[in-house]
Protein backbone atom coordinates (compact mmCIF):
# COMPACT_ATOMS: atom_id res chain seq x y z
CA MET A 1 0.00 0.00 0.00
CA PRO A 2 1.22 3.56 -0.59
CA GLY A 3 3.00 5.32 2.20
CA GLU A 4 4.39 2.28 4.03
CA SER A 5 7.84 3.85 4.27
CA GLN A 6 8.94 7.45 4.57
CA ALA A 7 12.29 9.09 4.01
CA PRO A 8 13.97 9.96 7.32
CA ALA A 9 13.39 13.56 8.33
CA ALA A 10 16.11 15.91 9.54
CA PRO A 11 16.82 15.54 13.29
CA ASP A 12 14.48 17.57 15.47
CA PRO A 13 16.23 19.08 18.53
CA ALA A 14 12.94 19.05 20.47
CA THR A 15 12.62 15.28 20.13
CA GLN A 16 16.23 14.32 20.79
CA GLY A 17 16.38 11.64 23.46
CA LEU A 18 12.65 10.92 23.22
CA GLN A 19 10.93 7.78 21.88
CA VAL A 20 8.48 9.45 19.52
CA TYR A 21 5.94 7.77 17.22
CA LEU A 22 3.48 9.15 14.72
CA VAL A 23 0.12 7.53 15.51
CA GLY A 24 -3.53 7.29 14.62
CA GLY A 25 -5.16 8.99 11.69
CA ALA A 26 -1.96 10.40 10.23
CA VAL A 27 -0.49 6.93 9.76
CA ARG A 28 -3.79 5.54 8.52
CA ASP A 29 -4.07 8.30 5.92
CA GLU A 30 -0.47 7.79 4.80
CA LEU A 31 -1.18 4.12 4.23
CA LEU A 32 -4.32 5.01 2.28
CA GLY A 33 -2.32 7.40 0.14
CA VAL A 34 -4.27 10.51 1.14
CA SER A 35 -3.19 13.72 2.82
CA ALA A 36 -3.30 13.50 6.61
CA ARG A 37 -5.75 15.91 8.22
CA ASP A 38 -3.77 16.13 11.48
CA ARG A 39 -0.61 14.65 12.88
CA ASP A 40 -0.55 13.30 16.42
CA TRP A 41 2.47 11.89 18.22
CA VAL A 42 2.98 9.58 21.19
CA VAL A 43 6.00 9.84 23.44
CA VAL A 44 7.07 6.67 25.29
CA GLY A 45 9.21 6.58 28.42
CA ALA A 46 9.11 10.31 29.22
CA THR A 47 7.67 12.44 31.99
CA ALA A 48 5.82 15.72 31.95
CA GLU A 49 8.84 17.38 33.50
CA GLN A 50 11.09 16.20 30.66
CA MET A 51 8.64 17.52 28.07
CA ALA A 52 8.48 20.92 29.75
CA ALA A 53 12.27 21.09 29.95
CA LEU A 54 12.44 20.58 26.16
CA GLY A 55 10.11 23.52 25.57
CA TYR A 56 6.81 21.69 25.05
CA ARG A 57 3.71 23.52 26.28
CA PRO A 58 1.18 21.45 28.26
CA VAL A 59 -2.44 21.64 27.01
CA GLY A 60 -4.05 18.35 28.11
CA LYS A 61 -6.83 18.38 30.69
CA GLN A 62 -7.49 14.70 31.34
CA PHE A 63 -3.99 13.42 30.55
CA PRO A 64 -0.63 15.00 29.59
CA VAL A 65 -0.65 16.43 26.05
CA PHE A 66 1.94 18.95 24.88
CA LEU A 67 2.39 21.25 21.92
CA HIS A 68 5.70 21.04 20.07
CA PRO A 69 7.66 24.29 20.58
CA ARG A 70 8.03 24.88 16.83
CA THR A 71 5.38 22.93 14.89
CA HIS A 72 2.67 23.14 17.59
CA GLU A 73 1.65 19.57 16.79
CA GLU A 74 0.30 17.51 19.69
CA TYR A 75 2.59 15.14 21.56
CA ALA A 76 0.91 12.95 24.19
CA LEU A 77 2.60 10.79 26.75
CA ALA A 78 1.82 7.12 26.15
CA ARG A 79 -1.09 6.18 28.36
CA ALA A 80 -2.98 3.21 29.67
CA GLU A 81 -6.49 3.59 31.04
CA ARG A 82 -8.88 1.77 33.32
CA LYS A 83 -12.67 1.95 33.39
CA ILE A 84 -13.91 3.22 36.76
CA GLY A 85 -17.35 4.65 35.96
CA PRO A 86 -20.07 4.98 33.30
CA GLY A 87 -19.78 6.97 30.09
CA TYR A 88 -16.80 8.34 28.24
CA ARG A 89 -15.55 10.27 31.29
CA GLY A 90 -15.39 7.22 33.54
CA PHE A 91 -11.69 6.46 33.07
CA GLU A 92 -8.54 6.54 35.14
CA PHE A 93 -5.33 7.22 33.19
CA ASP A 94 -1.77 6.04 33.72
CA THR A 95 0.98 7.96 31.91
CA ALA A 96 3.99 6.58 33.76
CA PRO A 97 7.23 6.11 31.75
CA THR A 98 6.65 2.34 31.99
CA VAL A 99 3.58 2.49 29.70
CA SER A 100 4.57 1.01 26.35
CA LEU A 101 3.55 1.96 22.82
CA VAL A 102 1.51 -1.25 22.51
CA ASP A 103 -0.25 -0.40 25.78
CA ASP A 104 -1.21 2.93 24.26
CA LEU A 105 -2.33 1.51 20.93
CA SER A 106 -4.35 -1.25 22.58
CA ARG A 107 -6.78 1.31 24.03
CA ARG A 108 -7.64 2.92 20.69
CA ASP A 109 -10.96 2.41 18.97
CA LEU A 110 -10.32 0.81 15.56
CA THR A 111 -7.41 -1.23 14.28
CA ILE A 112 -6.92 1.20 11.40
CA ASN A 113 -6.32 3.92 14.01
CA ALA A 114 -3.98 1.77 16.13
CA ILE A 115 -0.96 1.89 13.79
CA ALA A 116 2.23 3.78 14.60
CA ARG A 117 5.26 4.87 12.59
CA GLU A 118 8.75 5.63 13.80
CA PRO A 119 10.37 8.85 12.49
CA GLY A 120 12.63 6.62 10.38
CA GLY A 121 9.64 5.10 8.60
CA ARG A 122 9.18 1.69 10.27
CA ILE A 123 5.51 0.77 10.72
CA ILE A 124 4.37 -0.74 14.03
CA ASP A 125 1.05 -2.53 13.64
CA PRO A 126 0.34 -4.89 16.56
CA PHE A 127 -3.41 -5.31 15.89
CA GLY A 128 -3.64 -5.89 12.14
CA GLY A 129 -4.65 -2.42 11.07
CA ARG A 130 -2.95 -2.64 7.68
CA ALA A 131 -4.76 -5.87 6.89
CA ASP A 132 -8.08 -4.23 7.80
CA LEU A 133 -7.26 -1.29 5.53
CA LYS A 134 -6.75 -3.71 2.66
CA ARG A 135 -9.95 -5.58 3.51
CA LYS A 136 -11.78 -2.27 3.96
CA ARG A 137 -12.99 -3.25 7.38
CA LEU A 138 -13.74 -1.12 10.44
CA ARG A 139 -12.87 -3.41 13.34
CA HIS A 140 -12.41 -2.71 17.05
CA VAL A 141 -9.00 -3.24 18.63
CA SER A 142 -10.04 -5.06 21.80
CA PRO A 143 -12.99 -5.65 24.15
CA ALA A 144 -12.01 -2.37 25.84
CA PHE A 145 -13.86 -0.70 22.96
CA ALA A 146 -17.09 -1.36 24.87
CA GLU A 147 -16.00 0.85 27.75
CA ASP A 148 -16.39 4.14 25.85
CA PRO A 149 -19.77 4.89 24.20
CA VAL A 150 -18.29 7.70 22.11
CA ARG A 151 -16.67 4.96 20.03
CA VAL A 152 -20.08 3.94 18.72
CA LEU A 153 -20.43 7.43 17.26
CA ARG A 154 -16.86 7.41 15.98
CA VAL A 155 -17.32 4.12 14.14
CA ALA A 156 -20.44 5.57 12.51
CA ARG A 157 -18.49 8.68 11.51
CA PHE A 158 -15.68 6.62 9.99
CA ALA A 159 -18.32 4.67 8.10
CA ALA A 160 -19.56 7.99 6.70
CA ARG A 161 -16.00 8.88 5.68
CA TYR A 162 -15.07 5.61 4.01
CA ALA A 163 -18.35 4.05 2.84
CA ALA A 164 -17.85 5.26 -0.73
CA ALA A 165 -14.49 3.45 -0.77
CA GLY A 166 -16.18 0.21 0.22
CA PHE A 167 -15.40 0.13 3.94
CA ARG A 168 -17.87 -1.73 6.16
CA VAL A 169 -18.18 -2.26 9.90
CA ALA A 170 -16.95 -5.71 10.92
CA ALA A 171 -19.71 -8.04 12.09
CA ASP A 172 -18.14 -8.60 15.51
CA THR A 173 -17.71 -4.85 15.99
CA GLU A 174 -21.34 -4.21 15.10
CA GLY A 175 -22.33 -6.91 17.56
CA LEU A 176 -20.25 -5.27 20.28
CA MET A 177 -21.87 -1.91 19.52
CA ARG A 178 -25.29 -3.49 19.76
CA SER A 179 -24.45 -4.96 23.17
CA MET A 180 -23.25 -1.53 24.34
CA VAL A 181 -26.60 -0.03 23.38
CA ALA A 182 -28.46 -2.82 25.19
CA ALA A 183 -26.33 -2.26 28.30
CA GLY A 184 -27.25 1.44 28.38
CA GLU A 185 -23.72 2.71 27.72
CA VAL A 186 -24.93 4.93 24.88
CA ASP A 187 -27.43 6.57 27.23
CA ALA A 188 -24.47 8.01 29.15
CA LEU A 189 -23.34 10.11 26.19
CA VAL A 190 -23.38 13.83 26.89
CA ALA A 191 -24.83 16.36 24.49
CA GLU A 192 -21.58 17.98 23.43
CA ARG A 193 -20.05 14.68 22.31
CA VAL A 194 -23.11 13.65 20.33
CA TRP A 195 -23.23 17.05 18.62
CA HIS A 196 -19.48 17.03 17.97
CA GLU A 197 -19.58 13.67 16.21
CA LEU A 198 -22.84 14.45 14.38
CA ARG A 199 -21.51 17.73 13.04
CA ARG A 200 -18.33 16.05 11.81
CA ALA A 201 -20.27 13.18 10.27
CA LEU A 202 -22.45 15.59 8.29
CA ALA A 203 -19.26 16.90 6.67
CA GLU A 204 -18.15 13.45 5.50
CA PRO A 205 -18.64 12.21 1.89
CA THR A 206 -21.45 9.76 2.75
CA PRO A 207 -23.30 11.09 5.81
CA SER A 208 -26.10 8.56 5.28
CA ALA A 209 -23.69 5.85 6.50
CA PHE A 210 -23.50 7.59 9.87
CA ILE A 211 -27.25 7.23 10.25
CA THR A 212 -27.47 3.65 8.97
CA THR A 213 -24.57 2.49 11.13
CA LEU A 214 -26.23 3.89 14.24
CA LYS A 215 -29.57 2.39 13.24
CA ASP A 216 -28.08 -1.04 12.59
CA CYS A 217 -26.77 -1.26 16.14
CA GLY A 218 -29.83 0.34 17.77
CA ALA A 219 -28.06 3.56 18.80
CA LEU A 220 -30.00 5.89 16.51
CA ALA A 221 -33.15 5.57 18.62
CA ARG A 222 -31.12 6.59 21.68
CA VAL A 223 -29.14 9.54 20.36
CA LEU A 224 -31.37 10.84 17.53
CA PRO A 225 -34.86 9.46 18.24
CA GLU A 226 -36.52 12.12 16.08
CA VAL A 227 -34.57 10.83 13.06
CA ASP A 228 -35.05 7.17 13.93
CA ALA A 229 -38.83 7.69 13.99
CA LEU A 230 -38.86 8.48 10.25
CA PHE A 231 -37.95 4.94 9.23
CA GLY A 232 -40.94 2.86 8.29
CA VAL A 233 -43.13 5.90 7.62
CA PRO A 234 -44.41 5.78 4.00
CA GLN A 235 -44.75 8.70 1.59
CA PRO A 236 -46.77 9.03 -1.64
CA PRO A 237 -44.94 6.94 -4.26
CA GLU A 238 -45.84 9.36 -7.06
CA HIS A 239 -43.69 12.00 -5.35
CA HIS A 240 -41.28 9.71 -3.49
CA PRO A 241 -40.46 6.53 -5.42
CA GLU A 242 -38.30 5.45 -2.47
CA ILE A 243 -41.52 5.56 -0.34
CA ASP A 244 -39.87 5.30 3.08
CA SER A 245 -39.31 8.65 4.83
CA GLY A 246 -36.10 7.40 6.42
CA LEU A 247 -34.68 6.31 3.09
CA HIS A 248 -35.60 9.70 1.65
CA LEU A 249 -33.63 11.35 4.45
CA LEU A 250 -30.56 9.23 3.64
CA LEU A 251 -30.79 10.23 -0.03
CA VAL A 252 -31.13 13.91 0.88
CA LEU A 253 -28.06 13.78 3.11
CA ASP A 254 -25.91 12.25 0.39
CA GLN A 255 -27.25 14.71 -2.16
CA GLY A 256 -26.30 17.56 0.14
CA ALA A 257 -22.81 16.14 0.58
CA ALA A 258 -22.40 15.72 -3.20
CA MET A 259 -23.51 19.34 -3.69
CA GLY A 260 -20.91 20.53 -1.19
CA LEU A 261 -23.37 22.00 1.28
CA GLY A 262 -22.00 23.59 4.43
CA ALA A 263 -22.50 22.31 7.95
CA GLU A 264 -25.59 24.40 8.72
CA ALA A 265 -27.35 23.40 5.50
CA MET A 266 -26.50 19.73 6.10
CA PHE A 267 -28.10 19.88 9.54
CA ALA A 268 -31.18 21.43 7.90
CA CYS A 269 -31.23 18.49 5.46
CA LEU A 270 -31.12 16.09 8.39
CA THR A 271 -34.08 17.70 10.15
CA HIS A 272 -36.30 19.04 7.37
CA ASP A 273 -38.88 16.20 7.46
CA LEU A 274 -39.10 15.36 11.17
CA GLY A 275 -42.82 16.18 11.14
CA LYS A 276 -43.60 13.15 8.97
CA ALA A 277 -42.98 10.91 11.99
CA LEU A 278 -45.90 12.67 13.71
CA THR A 279 -48.47 11.99 10.99
CA PRO A 280 -51.21 9.64 12.30
CA PRO A 281 -50.87 6.27 10.51
CA GLU A 282 -54.44 6.48 9.27
CA GLN A 283 -53.39 9.48 7.15
CA TRP A 284 -50.41 7.73 5.52
CA PRO A 285 -48.92 8.10 2.98
CA GLN A 286 -50.02 11.77 3.00
CA HIS A 287 -48.33 14.18 5.39
CA HIS A 288 -50.41 17.32 5.61
CA ARG A 289 -48.77 20.14 7.57
CA HIS A 290 -45.69 18.04 8.28
CA GLU A 291 -43.54 21.11 7.76
CA ARG A 292 -45.22 22.80 10.74
CA LEU A 293 -45.42 19.65 12.83
CA GLY A 294 -41.67 19.18 12.40
CA LEU A 295 -40.82 22.32 14.34
CA GLU A 296 -41.53 20.72 17.71
CA PRO A 297 -39.23 17.68 17.36
CA LEU A 298 -36.63 19.95 15.77
CA ALA A 299 -36.73 22.22 18.82
CA ALA A 300 -36.46 19.20 21.11
CA MET A 301 -33.40 17.90 19.28
CA CYS A 302 -31.71 21.30 19.27
CA GLU A 303 -32.40 21.79 22.97
CA ARG A 304 -31.14 18.34 23.92
CA LEU A 305 -27.92 18.58 21.88
CA ASN A 306 -27.24 22.28 22.54
CA VAL A 307 -27.24 22.93 18.79
CA PRO A 308 -25.73 26.35 17.94
CA ARG A 309 -28.24 29.08 17.18
CA ALA A 310 -27.19 29.54 13.53
CA PHE A 311 -27.80 25.85 12.83
CA ARG A 312 -31.17 25.97 14.53
CA ARG A 313 -32.35 29.08 12.70
CA LEU A 314 -31.60 27.70 9.25
CA ALA A 315 -33.09 24.30 10.12
CA GLU A 316 -36.31 25.96 11.29
CA ARG A 317 -36.65 27.88 8.03
CA VAL A 318 -36.02 24.82 5.87
CA CYS A 319 -38.39 22.70 7.95
CA ARG A 320 -41.19 25.29 7.79
CA HIS A 321 -40.81 26.57 4.23
CA HIS A 322 -39.28 23.85 2.03
CA LEU A 323 -42.60 22.95 0.39
CA GLU A 324 -43.17 26.58 -0.55
CA ALA A 325 -39.73 26.65 -2.16
CA HIS A 326 -40.60 23.55 -4.19
CA ARG A 327 -43.75 25.32 -5.47
CA ALA A 328 -41.97 28.60 -6.16
CA LEU A 329 -42.69 28.65 -9.90
CA GLU A 330 -46.42 28.39 -9.16
CA LEU A 331 -46.60 31.03 -6.45
CA LYS A 332 -48.07 34.50 -6.86
CA PRO A 333 -45.68 37.44 -6.42
CA ALA A 334 -47.16 38.27 -3.00
CA THR A 335 -46.52 34.70 -1.80
CA VAL A 336 -42.98 34.75 -3.16
CA LEU A 337 -42.31 37.97 -1.27
CA LYS A 338 -43.70 36.47 1.94
CA LEU A 339 -41.45 33.45 1.49
CA ILE A 340 -38.37 35.61 0.97
CA GLU A 341 -39.19 37.62 4.08
CA ALA A 342 -40.06 34.56 6.19
CA ALA A 343 -36.79 32.87 5.21
CA ASP A 344 -34.83 36.05 6.04
CA GLY A 345 -33.73 36.52 2.45
CA LEU A 346 -33.30 40.27 2.82
CA ARG A 347 -31.62 40.44 6.22
CA GLN A 348 -29.59 37.22 5.91
CA PRO A 349 -28.80 36.68 2.20
CA ARG A 350 -26.16 34.00 2.90
CA MET A 351 -28.58 32.01 5.01
CA PHE A 352 -31.21 32.33 2.28
CA ASP A 353 -28.76 30.86 -0.21
CA GLU A 354 -28.18 27.93 2.16
CA PHE A 355 -31.94 27.59 2.56
CA LEU A 356 -32.29 27.22 -1.21
CA ALA A 357 -29.42 24.75 -1.41
CA ALA A 358 -30.98 22.54 1.29
CA CYS A 359 -34.32 22.67 -0.56
CA GLU A 360 -32.61 21.54 -3.75
CA ALA A 361 -30.98 18.63 -1.92
CA ASP A 362 -34.42 17.68 -0.62
CA ALA A 363 -35.93 17.75 -4.10
CA ARG A 364 -33.12 15.63 -5.52
CA GLY A 365 -33.06 13.18 -2.65
CA ARG A 366 -35.53 10.85 -4.35
CA VAL A 367 -34.96 7.62 -6.23
CA GLY A 368 -34.61 8.31 -9.94
CA LEU A 369 -34.80 12.09 -9.50
CA GLU A 370 -31.25 12.73 -8.33
CA ARG A 371 -30.36 14.65 -11.50
CA LYS A 372 -33.68 16.37 -12.06
CA PRO A 373 -33.23 20.13 -12.59
CA TYR A 374 -34.35 22.38 -9.75
CA PRO A 375 -35.01 25.79 -11.37
CA GLN A 376 -36.74 26.98 -8.20
CA ARG A 377 -33.36 27.69 -6.63
CA ALA A 378 -32.23 30.11 -9.33
CA TYR A 379 -35.70 31.66 -9.57
CA LEU A 380 -35.94 32.39 -5.85
CA ALA A 381 -32.36 33.66 -5.70
CA ARG A 382 -33.16 36.04 -8.59
CA ALA A 383 -36.40 37.08 -6.90
CA ARG A 384 -34.52 37.85 -3.68
CA ASP A 385 -32.00 39.98 -5.58
CA ILE A 386 -34.77 41.88 -7.36
CA VAL A 387 -36.62 42.56 -4.12
CA ALA A 388 -33.42 43.69 -2.40
CA ALA A 389 -32.67 46.04 -5.30
CA VAL A 390 -35.92 47.97 -4.68
CA ASP A 391 -34.36 50.44 -2.28
CA GLY A 392 -36.59 52.24 0.17
CA SER A 393 -34.61 55.44 -0.45
CA LYS A 394 -36.12 55.58 -3.94
CA VAL A 395 -39.68 55.71 -2.62
CA GLU A 396 -41.28 59.14 -2.59
CA THR A 397 -41.74 60.07 1.07
CA ALA A 398 -43.03 63.66 0.92
CA GLY A 399 -46.31 63.97 2.78
CA ARG A 400 -46.51 60.23 3.54
CA SER A 401 -46.68 58.42 6.86
CA GLY A 402 -44.48 55.49 7.75
CA PRO A 403 -47.12 52.84 6.92
CA GLU A 404 -47.81 54.55 3.59
CA ILE A 405 -44.10 54.50 2.71
CA ALA A 406 -43.89 50.81 3.63
CA ALA A 407 -46.94 50.04 1.51
CA GLU A 408 -45.44 51.86 -1.48
CA LEU A 409 -42.14 50.00 -1.09
CA ARG A 410 -44.04 46.74 -0.98
CA ARG A 411 -46.02 47.65 -4.10
CA LYS A 412 -42.82 48.36 -6.02
CA ARG A 413 -41.34 45.05 -4.92
CA LEU A 414 -44.47 43.18 -5.97
CA ASP A 415 -44.40 44.92 -9.35
CA ALA A 416 -40.78 43.80 -9.80
CA LEU A 417 -41.69 40.22 -8.89
CA ALA A 418 -44.67 40.29 -11.25
CA GLU A 419 -42.34 41.31 -14.09
CA LEU A 420 -40.00 38.44 -13.18
CA ARG A 421 -42.89 36.00 -13.26
CA ARG A 422 -43.92 37.20 -16.73
CA GLN A 423 -40.45 36.24 -17.93
CA LEU A 424 -40.90 32.59 -16.96
């Protein structure tokens, strides 16, 4: 595989006398032949005092991590850990100089992340990570995997990163994840860790794999119950050939990723149809007012996960108004103007553009319709620009009250939108 050996680098004064190893994702990415996102190092046989004497700056909270004095890359003392309580915080760490590199690697999540490389290029792979890279398999290192519920989320995120390359979760790892869910370990996850992994997963090439991996092991119902509830809910086949609302969501997520949507728009894609899970079964496959019904579960998810305000605001607008965007070419000028105002198109033009992008991903997230044109996006963007160009300073104000001036400005904007509609 590419990257199995590296030319020796020039001696680094800050690492002289230290047993230093490149570890984790940087080695994995080298072996995959892709650019490493970050480089992390493990130092074996040293103490915090030695690191400080060499100019390293301590930054670790739970265990000793230091920043290199020149490169500012992270160097952590090799550590062993012992489970002493529930959740991902329930660990006791040992960073004594006697902790070996294998001790450190044995506590990592996946074999593909438990590979090390010496500065001279020699690969150290005690748990078969290179073989799993070749087999395209996401496999846990040891039974200690079950002690940290965050690893369930991390496996799902790696599935989202590598699914397009053919990687799959190993059967025994999926079984271990399922047992962790059954034991209640996943229930101990705190909001910030769930949000952190979810946000990163939405930026991966195949975010649908994050959702399906969690669903396969039963974790989706625990961490994202509002999303899990969509699976098994049918939609009208004439509009949604995929029928299942959960499958539609997966298609929308991957469409958004393929379109290069940003993090806020991807979260809006994830949450735009939550209201369909609230439709009474006797009304299936129709989902009247699902866009309004979805606001309540969206608010619950955002509250539970402490979702940042900007993400929440865009998600609310997409949830409430995506059907209006889909019907944009049929709407009267007054309705188009109301939509632009309701989606903050004049005050927040960037957010309005993201709103339109998420709506396009929704429209294309349907079986057989992935490449169908979505002229509504360009039409509404043009309509927003036209409305914004009608400047209130150009309205005659002499002898008019404030409400009269506002009415005149609105009339001019409607006239401009009517002219745009005539050009369709």
